[in-house]
Amino acid sequence: MKELYPFIFRRKSTRKYRGPASEDELREIEDRLEKLEPLLEDVDTEFRLLERDDVRTRMQQPAPHYIAAFSDGYVGKVNVGFMLQQMDLRISGMGLGSCWQGIPRLRAHVKSELDFVILLAFGAAAEPVHREHSEFRRKPLSKITDMEGMDDVLEAVRLAPSAVNNQPWYFTGGNGKIHAYCQVQSPLKRRLVGRWNPIDMGIALAHLRISLEYHGYRSE
């Protein structure tokens, strides 16, 4: 996963698309979906490549393609975030645009034995898909960790995307261990974004695993 590290510092959510991905790009994405690394091996998870007509976009701009994620329970959502963020970074590395979408819903003909979790929209972007490190709007490291000597590793986690840029994570630890926590939020914020918190935690843990491997640490 460490090969994804550079894209953490350039990835940008895309909401405007000029067209579909090429057939070769779609084949590569389908192949990569089969090879995503799970956070937890024994959690049932399914990813399915969909087209625009398979999705009710509601208030959001439609995209040419979507990856639908299915799993069960809180842990399943964390696992989805961990796995699908790998795909998000790979899509960015391919020069395509992508964006996590929690509001759209699947049309009735798209079914799974697992619960629908979230969509990742993607396609050929009509706007830049990369940005400079200085353009990220995120909490400072001091707001997401009290650990010392791990700034290089945790900077990648600080840049992780989250629902409405909520960044609900906090990291502590020492003696070779890192503990990840989801911060307690106000009742209003829980009502607005609480359902996405486990996905956000999975995304942050994906960035943590990638960064640890890149910096030469062994993670398990």
C-alpha atoms as a PDB file:
ATOM      1  CA  MET A   1       0.000   0.000   0.000  1.00  0.00           C
ATOM      2  CA  LYS A   2       2.932   2.361   0.473  1.00  0.00           C
ATOM      3  CA  GLU A   3       2.939   3.158  -3.262  1.00  0.00           C
ATOM      4  CA  LEU A   4      -0.247   5.175  -2.607  1.00  0.00           C
ATOM      5  CA  TYR A   5       1.552   7.545  -0.222  1.00  0.00           C
ATOM      6  CA  PRO A   6       2.344  10.358  -2.721  1.00  0.00           C
ATOM      7  CA  PHE A   7      -1.308  10.670  -3.755  1.00  0.00           C
ATOM      8  CA  ILE A   8      -2.378  11.412  -0.177  1.00  0.00           C
ATOM      9  CA  PHE A   9      -0.693  14.803  -0.526  1.00  0.00           C
ATOM     10  CA  ARG A  10      -2.291  15.639  -3.892  1.00  0.00           C
ATOM     11  CA  ARG A  11      -5.752  14.048  -3.886  1.00  0.00           C
ATOM     12  CA  LYS A  12      -8.725  16.366  -4.330  1.00  0.00           C
ATOM     13  CA  SER A  13     -12.458  15.615  -4.370  1.00  0.00           C
ATOM     14  CA  THR A  14     -13.990  16.032  -7.825  1.00  0.00           C
ATOM     15  CA  ARG A  15     -17.603  17.098  -8.336  1.00  0.00           C
ATOM     16  CA  LYS A  16     -17.617  18.034 -12.026  1.00  0.00           C
ATOM     17  CA  TYR A  17     -16.982  15.505 -14.785  1.00  0.00           C
ATOM     18  CA  ARG A  18     -16.480  15.870 -18.522  1.00  0.00           C
ATOM     19  CA  GLY A  19     -17.107  12.240 -19.398  1.00  0.00           C
ATOM     20  CA  PRO A  20     -16.592   8.571 -18.577  1.00  0.00           C
ATOM     21  CA  ALA A  21     -13.352   6.744 -17.904  1.00  0.00           C
ATOM     22  CA  SER A  22     -11.883   4.747 -20.785  1.00  0.00           C
ATOM     23  CA  GLU A  23     -12.507   1.024 -21.147  1.00  0.00           C
ATOM     24  CA  ASP A  24      -8.887   0.330 -20.175  1.00  0.00           C
ATOM     25  CA  GLU A  25      -9.243   2.486 -17.061  1.00  0.00           C
ATOM     26  CA  LEU A  26     -12.467   0.725 -16.077  1.00  0.00           C
ATOM     27  CA  ARG A  27     -10.821  -2.668 -16.483  1.00  0.00           C
ATOM     28  CA  GLU A  28      -7.931  -1.560 -14.274  1.00  0.00           C
ATOM     29  CA  ILE A  29     -10.344  -0.297 -11.619  1.00  0.00           C
ATOM     30  CA  GLU A  30     -12.314  -3.557 -11.689  1.00  0.00           C
ATOM     31  CA  ASP A  31      -9.069  -5.491 -11.296  1.00  0.00           C
ATOM     32  CA  ARG A  32      -7.918  -3.288  -8.407  1.00  0.00           C
ATOM     33  CA  LEU A  33     -11.241  -3.700  -6.605  1.00  0.00           C
ATOM     34  CA  GLU A  34     -10.503  -7.414  -6.339  1.00  0.00           C
ATOM     35  CA  LYS A  35      -7.135  -6.717  -4.696  1.00  0.00           C
ATOM     36  CA  LEU A  36      -7.990  -4.150  -2.012  1.00  0.00           C
ATOM     37  CA  GLU A  37      -6.495  -4.939   1.383  1.00  0.00           C
ATOM     38  CA  PRO A  38      -9.080  -5.262   4.173  1.00  0.00           C
ATOM     39  CA  LEU A  39      -8.571  -3.921   7.659  1.00  0.00           C
ATOM     40  CA  LEU A  40     -10.345  -7.006   9.005  1.00  0.00           C
ATOM     41  CA  GLU A  41     -10.242 -10.248   7.038  1.00  0.00           C
ATOM     42  CA  ASP A  42     -13.401 -11.807   8.470  1.00  0.00           C
ATOM     43  CA  VAL A  43     -15.807  -8.944   7.675  1.00  0.00           C
ATOM     44  CA  ASP A  44     -18.061  -9.519   4.661  1.00  0.00           C
ATOM     45  CA  THR A  45     -17.626  -6.694   2.159  1.00  0.00           C
ATOM     46  CA  GLU A  46     -18.738  -6.245  -1.447  1.00  0.00           C
ATOM     47  CA  PHE A  47     -17.840  -3.613  -4.039  1.00  0.00           C
ATOM     48  CA  ARG A  48     -19.752  -3.182  -7.275  1.00  0.00           C
ATOM     49  CA  LEU A  49     -19.016  -0.970 -10.277  1.00  0.00           C
ATOM     50  CA  LEU A  50     -22.135   0.983 -11.321  1.00  0.00           C
ATOM     51  CA  GLU A  51     -23.163   3.478 -13.986  1.00  0.00           C
ATOM     52  CA  ARG A  52     -25.089   6.737 -13.665  1.00  0.00           C
ATOM     53  CA  ASP A  53     -28.493   5.118 -14.275  1.00  0.00           C
ATOM     54  CA  ASP A  54     -27.997   2.799 -11.284  1.00  0.00           C
ATOM     55  CA  VAL A  55     -27.966   5.694  -8.809  1.00  0.00           C
ATOM     56  CA  ARG A  56     -30.490   8.258  -7.548  1.00  0.00           C
ATOM     57  CA  THR A  57     -28.216  11.275  -7.087  1.00  0.00           C
ATOM     58  CA  ARG A  58     -30.711  13.452  -5.199  1.00  0.00           C
ATOM     59  CA  MET A  59     -29.173  16.920  -4.813  1.00  0.00           C
ATOM     60  CA  GLN A  60     -25.674  15.975  -6.009  1.00  0.00           C
ATOM     61  CA  GLN A  61     -24.252  16.275  -9.500  1.00  0.00           C
ATOM     62  CA  PRO A  62     -24.244  12.909 -11.293  1.00  0.00           C
ATOM     63  CA  ALA A  63     -20.983  11.159 -12.132  1.00  0.00           C
ATOM     64  CA  PRO A  64     -20.278   8.797 -15.048  1.00  0.00           C
ATOM     65  CA  HIS A  65     -19.389   5.894 -12.741  1.00  0.00           C
ATOM     66  CA  TYR A  66     -19.789   4.793  -9.132  1.00  0.00           C
ATOM     67  CA  ILE A  67     -18.349   2.150  -6.856  1.00  0.00           C
ATOM     68  CA  ALA A  68     -21.031   0.955  -4.447  1.00  0.00           C
ATOM     69  CA  ALA A  69     -19.875  -0.521  -1.139  1.00  0.00           C
ATOM     70  CA  PHE A  70     -21.849  -3.061   0.872  1.00  0.00           C
ATOM     71  CA  SER A  71     -21.208  -4.503   4.336  1.00  0.00           C
ATOM     72  CA  ASP A  72     -22.914  -4.957   7.714  1.00  0.00           C
ATOM     73  CA  GLY A  73     -22.682  -3.103  11.017  1.00  0.00           C
ATOM     74  CA  TYR A  74     -20.283  -0.540  12.462  1.00  0.00           C
ATOM     75  CA  VAL A  75     -17.174  -2.630  11.877  1.00  0.00           C
ATOM     76  CA  GLY A  76     -18.265  -3.256   8.290  1.00  0.00           C
ATOM     77  CA  LYS A  77     -18.424   0.494   7.690  1.00  0.00           C
ATOM     78  CA  VAL A  78     -14.922   0.964   9.109  1.00  0.00           C
ATOM     79  CA  ASN A  79     -13.682  -1.801   6.814  1.00  0.00           C
ATOM     80  CA  VAL A  80     -15.378  -0.172   3.804  1.00  0.00           C
ATOM     81  CA  GLY A  81     -13.695   3.157   4.554  1.00  0.00           C
ATOM     82  CA  PHE A  82     -10.310   1.464   4.887  1.00  0.00           C
ATOM     83  CA  MET A  83     -10.629  -0.473   1.633  1.00  0.00           C
ATOM     84  CA  LEU A  84     -12.372   2.044  -0.590  1.00  0.00           C
ATOM     85  CA  GLN A  85      -9.933   4.823   0.315  1.00  0.00           C
ATOM     86  CA  GLN A  86      -7.210   2.701  -1.286  1.00  0.00           C
ATOM     87  CA  MET A  87      -9.275   2.781  -4.470  1.00  0.00           C
ATOM     88  CA  ASP A  88      -9.883   6.510  -4.135  1.00  0.00           C
ATOM     89  CA  LEU A  89      -6.133   7.137  -4.029  1.00  0.00           C
ATOM     90  CA  ARG A  90      -5.487   4.795  -6.963  1.00  0.00           C
ATOM     91  CA  ILE A  91      -8.112   6.594  -9.041  1.00  0.00           C
ATOM     92  CA  SER A  92      -6.386   9.887  -8.219  1.00  0.00           C
ATOM     93  CA  GLY A  93      -3.085   8.342  -9.293  1.00  0.00           C
ATOM     94  CA  MET A  94      -4.673   7.404 -12.635  1.00  0.00           C
ATOM     95  CA  GLY A  95      -5.510  11.062 -13.284  1.00  0.00           C
ATOM     96  CA  LEU A  96      -9.258  10.551 -12.861  1.00  0.00           C
ATOM     97  CA  GLY A  97     -11.536  12.445 -10.502  1.00  0.00           C
ATOM     98  CA  SER A  98     -13.392  10.876  -7.579  1.00  0.00           C
ATOM     99  CA  CYS A  99     -15.522  11.847  -4.604  1.00  0.00           C
ATOM    100  CA  TRP A 100     -17.088  10.048  -1.649  1.00  0.00           C
ATOM    101  CA  GLN A 101     -20.887  10.426  -1.757  1.00  0.00           C
ATOM    102  CA  GLY A 102     -23.130   9.548   1.176  1.00  0.00           C
ATOM    103  CA  ILE A 103     -26.375  11.213   0.060  1.00  0.00           C
ATOM    104  CA  PRO A 104     -27.219   9.405  -3.233  1.00  0.00           C
ATOM    105  CA  ARG A 105     -29.060   6.098  -3.066  1.00  0.00           C
ATOM    106  CA  LEU A 106     -29.158   3.012  -5.252  1.00  0.00           C
ATOM    107  CA  ARG A 107     -32.037   2.326  -7.592  1.00  0.00           C
ATOM    108  CA  ALA A 108     -34.271  -0.604  -6.723  1.00  0.00           C
ATOM    109  CA  HIS A 109     -32.723  -3.014  -9.233  1.00  0.00           C
ATOM    110  CA  VAL A 110     -29.293  -2.832  -7.519  1.00  0.00           C
ATOM    111  CA  LYS A 111     -29.434  -5.425  -4.760  1.00  0.00           C
ATOM    112  CA  SER A 112     -27.049  -7.150  -2.352  1.00  0.00           C
ATOM    113  CA  GLU A 113     -27.385  -9.498   0.602  1.00  0.00           C
ATOM    114  CA  LEU A 114     -25.291  -6.968   2.543  1.00  0.00           C
ATOM    115  CA  ASP A 115     -26.357  -3.468   3.591  1.00  0.00           C
ATOM    116  CA  PHE A 116     -25.555  -0.593   1.257  1.00  0.00           C
ATOM    117  CA  VAL A 117     -22.922   1.649   2.887  1.00  0.00           C
ATOM    118  CA  ILE A 118     -21.714   4.422   0.558  1.00  0.00           C
ATOM    119  CA  LEU A 119     -20.712   5.367  -2.988  1.00  0.00           C
ATOM    120  CA  LEU A 120     -17.443   6.515  -4.512  1.00  0.00           C
ATOM    121  CA  ALA A 121     -18.193   8.560  -7.642  1.00  0.00           C
ATOM    122  CA  PHE A 122     -15.545   8.796 -10.359  1.00  0.00           C
ATOM    123  CA  GLY A 123     -14.883   9.686 -13.979  1.00  0.00           C
ATOM    124  CA  ALA A 124     -12.862  11.923 -16.284  1.00  0.00           C
ATOM    125  CA  ALA A 125     -12.753  15.228 -14.424  1.00  0.00           C
ATOM    126  CA  ALA A 126     -13.744  18.647 -15.729  1.00  0.00           C
ATOM    127  CA  GLU A 127     -11.575  20.278 -13.060  1.00  0.00           C
ATOM    128  CA  PRO A 128      -8.113  19.662 -11.556  1.00  0.00           C
ATOM    129  CA  VAL A 129      -7.873  16.371  -9.661  1.00  0.00           C
ATOM    130  CA  HIS A 130      -4.721  17.299  -7.734  1.00  0.00           C
ATOM    131  CA  ARG A 131      -3.760  20.157  -5.426  1.00  0.00           C
ATOM    132  CA  GLU A 132      -0.778  21.426  -3.503  1.00  0.00           C
ATOM    133  CA  HIS A 133      -0.154  20.406   0.100  1.00  0.00           C
ATOM    134  CA  SER A 134      -0.767  23.993   1.219  1.00  0.00           C
ATOM    135  CA  GLU A 135      -4.283  23.961  -0.253  1.00  0.00           C
ATOM    136  CA  PHE A 136      -5.666  21.364   2.178  1.00  0.00           C
ATOM    137  CA  ARG A 137      -8.034  22.759   4.807  1.00  0.00           C
ATOM    138  CA  ARG A 138      -7.615  20.485   7.787  1.00  0.00           C
ATOM    139  CA  LYS A 139      -7.248  20.626  11.565  1.00  0.00           C
ATOM    140  CA  PRO A 140      -3.677  21.115  12.822  1.00  0.00           C
ATOM    141  CA  LEU A 141      -1.900  18.022  14.112  1.00  0.00           C
ATOM    142  CA  SER A 142      -2.291  19.287  17.682  1.00  0.00           C
ATOM    143  CA  LYS A 143      -6.067  18.825  17.347  1.00  0.00           C
ATOM    144  CA  ILE A 144      -5.895  15.179  16.267  1.00  0.00           C
ATOM    145  CA  THR A 145      -3.014  13.743  18.330  1.00  0.00           C
ATOM    146  CA  ASP A 146      -0.932  14.169  21.470  1.00  0.00           C
ATOM    147  CA  MET A 147       1.824  11.867  20.228  1.00  0.00           C
ATOM    148  CA  GLU A 148       5.379  13.148  19.952  1.00  0.00           C
ATOM    149  CA  GLY A 149       7.906  12.206  17.300  1.00  0.00           C
ATOM    150  CA  MET A 150       5.290  10.894  14.845  1.00  0.00           C
ATOM    151  CA  ASP A 151       4.473  14.052  12.902  1.00  0.00           C
ATOM    152  CA  ASP A 152       5.820  12.655   9.622  1.00  0.00           C
ATOM    153  CA  VAL A 153       3.566   9.610   9.904  1.00  0.00           C
ATOM    154  CA  LEU A 154       0.458  11.395  11.164  1.00  0.00           C
ATOM    155  CA  GLU A 155       0.589  14.229   8.636  1.00  0.00           C
ATOM    156  CA  ALA A 156      -0.784  11.774   6.077  1.00  0.00           C
ATOM    157  CA  VAL A 157      -3.650  10.970   8.459  1.00  0.00           C
ATOM    158  CA  ARG A 158      -4.345  14.658   9.012  1.00  0.00           C
ATOM    159  CA  LEU A 159      -5.006  15.044   5.283  1.00  0.00           C
ATOM    160  CA  ALA A 160      -7.560  12.212   5.097  1.00  0.00           C
ATOM    161  CA  PRO A 161     -10.970  13.182   3.679  1.00  0.00           C
ATOM    162  CA  SER A 162     -14.072  12.972   5.867  1.00  0.00           C
ATOM    163  CA  ALA A 163     -17.763  13.873   5.738  1.00  0.00           C
ATOM    164  CA  VAL A 164     -18.087  17.689   5.650  1.00  0.00           C
ATOM    165  CA  ASN A 165     -14.399  17.782   6.636  1.00  0.00           C
ATOM    166  CA  ASN A 166     -15.383  16.693  10.140  1.00  0.00           C
ATOM    167  CA  GLN A 167     -12.172  14.775  10.945  1.00  0.00           C
ATOM    168  CA  PRO A 168     -13.593  12.879  13.952  1.00  0.00           C
ATOM    169  CA  TRP A 169     -10.383  10.987  14.760  1.00  0.00           C
ATOM    170  CA  TYR A 170      -7.861  11.331  17.579  1.00  0.00           C
ATOM    171  CA  PHE A 171      -4.620   9.359  17.983  1.00  0.00           C
ATOM    172  CA  THR A 172      -2.648   8.589  21.128  1.00  0.00           C
ATOM    173  CA  GLY A 173      -0.106   5.941  22.008  1.00  0.00           C
ATOM    174  CA  GLY A 174       3.481   4.998  22.702  1.00  0.00           C
ATOM    175  CA  ASN A 175       5.747   1.966  23.124  1.00  0.00           C
ATOM    176  CA  GLY A 176       5.151   0.880  19.554  1.00  0.00           C
ATOM    177  CA  LYS A 177       1.364   1.223  19.630  1.00  0.00           C
ATOM    178  CA  ILE A 178      -1.039   3.785  18.186  1.00  0.00           C
ATOM    179  CA  HIS A 179      -4.581   4.020  19.529  1.00  0.00           C
ATOM    180  CA  ALA A 180      -7.271   5.497  17.265  1.00  0.00           C
ATOM    181  CA  TYR A 181     -10.409   7.030  18.756  1.00  0.00           C
ATOM    182  CA  CYS A 182     -13.556   8.570  17.322  1.00  0.00           C
ATOM    183  CA  GLN A 183     -14.133  11.802  19.226  1.00  0.00           C
ATOM    184  CA  VAL A 184     -17.385  12.398  21.115  1.00  0.00           C
ATOM    185  CA  GLN A 185     -19.426  14.965  19.207  1.00  0.00           C
ATOM    186  CA  SER A 186     -22.324  17.266  20.013  1.00  0.00           C
ATOM    187  CA  PRO A 187     -25.863  15.896  19.529  1.00  0.00           C
ATOM    188  CA  LEU A 188     -26.344  18.160  16.499  1.00  0.00           C
ATOM    189  CA  LYS A 189     -23.141  17.030  14.816  1.00  0.00           C
ATOM    190  CA  ARG A 190     -23.921  13.377  15.559  1.00  0.00           C
ATOM    191  CA  ARG A 191     -27.297  13.837  13.914  1.00  0.00           C
ATOM    192  CA  LEU A 192     -25.751  15.453  10.831  1.00  0.00           C
ATOM    193  CA  VAL A 193     -22.653  13.315  10.228  1.00  0.00           C
ATOM    194  CA  GLY A 194     -22.606  10.576  12.865  1.00  0.00           C
ATOM    195  CA  ARG A 195     -23.633   7.836  10.430  1.00  0.00           C
ATOM    196  CA  TRP A 196     -20.482   8.490   8.402  1.00  0.00           C
ATOM    197  CA  ASN A 197     -18.066   8.495  11.363  1.00  0.00           C
ATOM    198  CA  PRO A 198     -17.127   4.788  11.078  1.00  0.00           C
ATOM    199  CA  ILE A 199     -16.404   5.230   7.357  1.00  0.00           C
ATOM    200  CA  ASP A 200     -14.277   8.285   8.149  1.00  0.00           C
ATOM    201  CA  MET A 201     -12.358   6.297  10.763  1.00  0.00           C
ATOM    202  CA  GLY A 202     -11.650   3.597   8.191  1.00  0.00           C
ATOM    203  CA  ILE A 203     -10.373   6.207   5.742  1.00  0.00           C
ATOM    204  CA  ALA A 204      -8.035   7.640   8.383  1.00  0.00           C
ATOM    205  CA  LEU A 205      -6.765   4.167   9.277  1.00  0.00           C
ATOM    206  CA  ALA A 206      -6.009   3.510   5.607  1.00  0.00           C
ATOM    207  CA  HIS A 207      -3.874   6.654   5.500  1.00  0.00           C
ATOM    208  CA  LEU A 208      -2.197   5.562   8.730  1.00  0.00           C
ATOM    209  CA  ARG A 209      -1.352   2.095   7.373  1.00  0.00           C
ATOM    210  CA  ILE A 210      -0.016   3.569   4.118  1.00  0.00           C
ATOM    211  CA  SER A 211       2.089   6.142   5.971  1.00  0.00           C
ATOM    212  CA  LEU A 212       3.490   3.628   8.457  1.00  0.00           C
ATOM    213  CA  GLU A 213       4.581   1.331   5.631  1.00  0.00           C
ATOM    214  CA  TYR A 214       6.085   4.233   3.680  1.00  0.00           C
ATOM    215  CA  HIS A 215       8.127   5.335   6.714  1.00  0.00           C
ATOM    216  CA  GLY A 216       9.418   1.827   7.342  1.00  0.00           C
ATOM    217  CA  TYR A 217       7.212   0.754  10.240  1.00  0.00           C
ATOM    218  CA  ARG A 218       5.556  -2.638  10.473  1.00  0.00           C
ATOM    219  CA  SER A 219       1.827  -2.425  11.132  1.00  0.00           C
ATOM    220  CA  GLU A 220      -0.608  -5.099  12.201  1.00  0.00           C
END
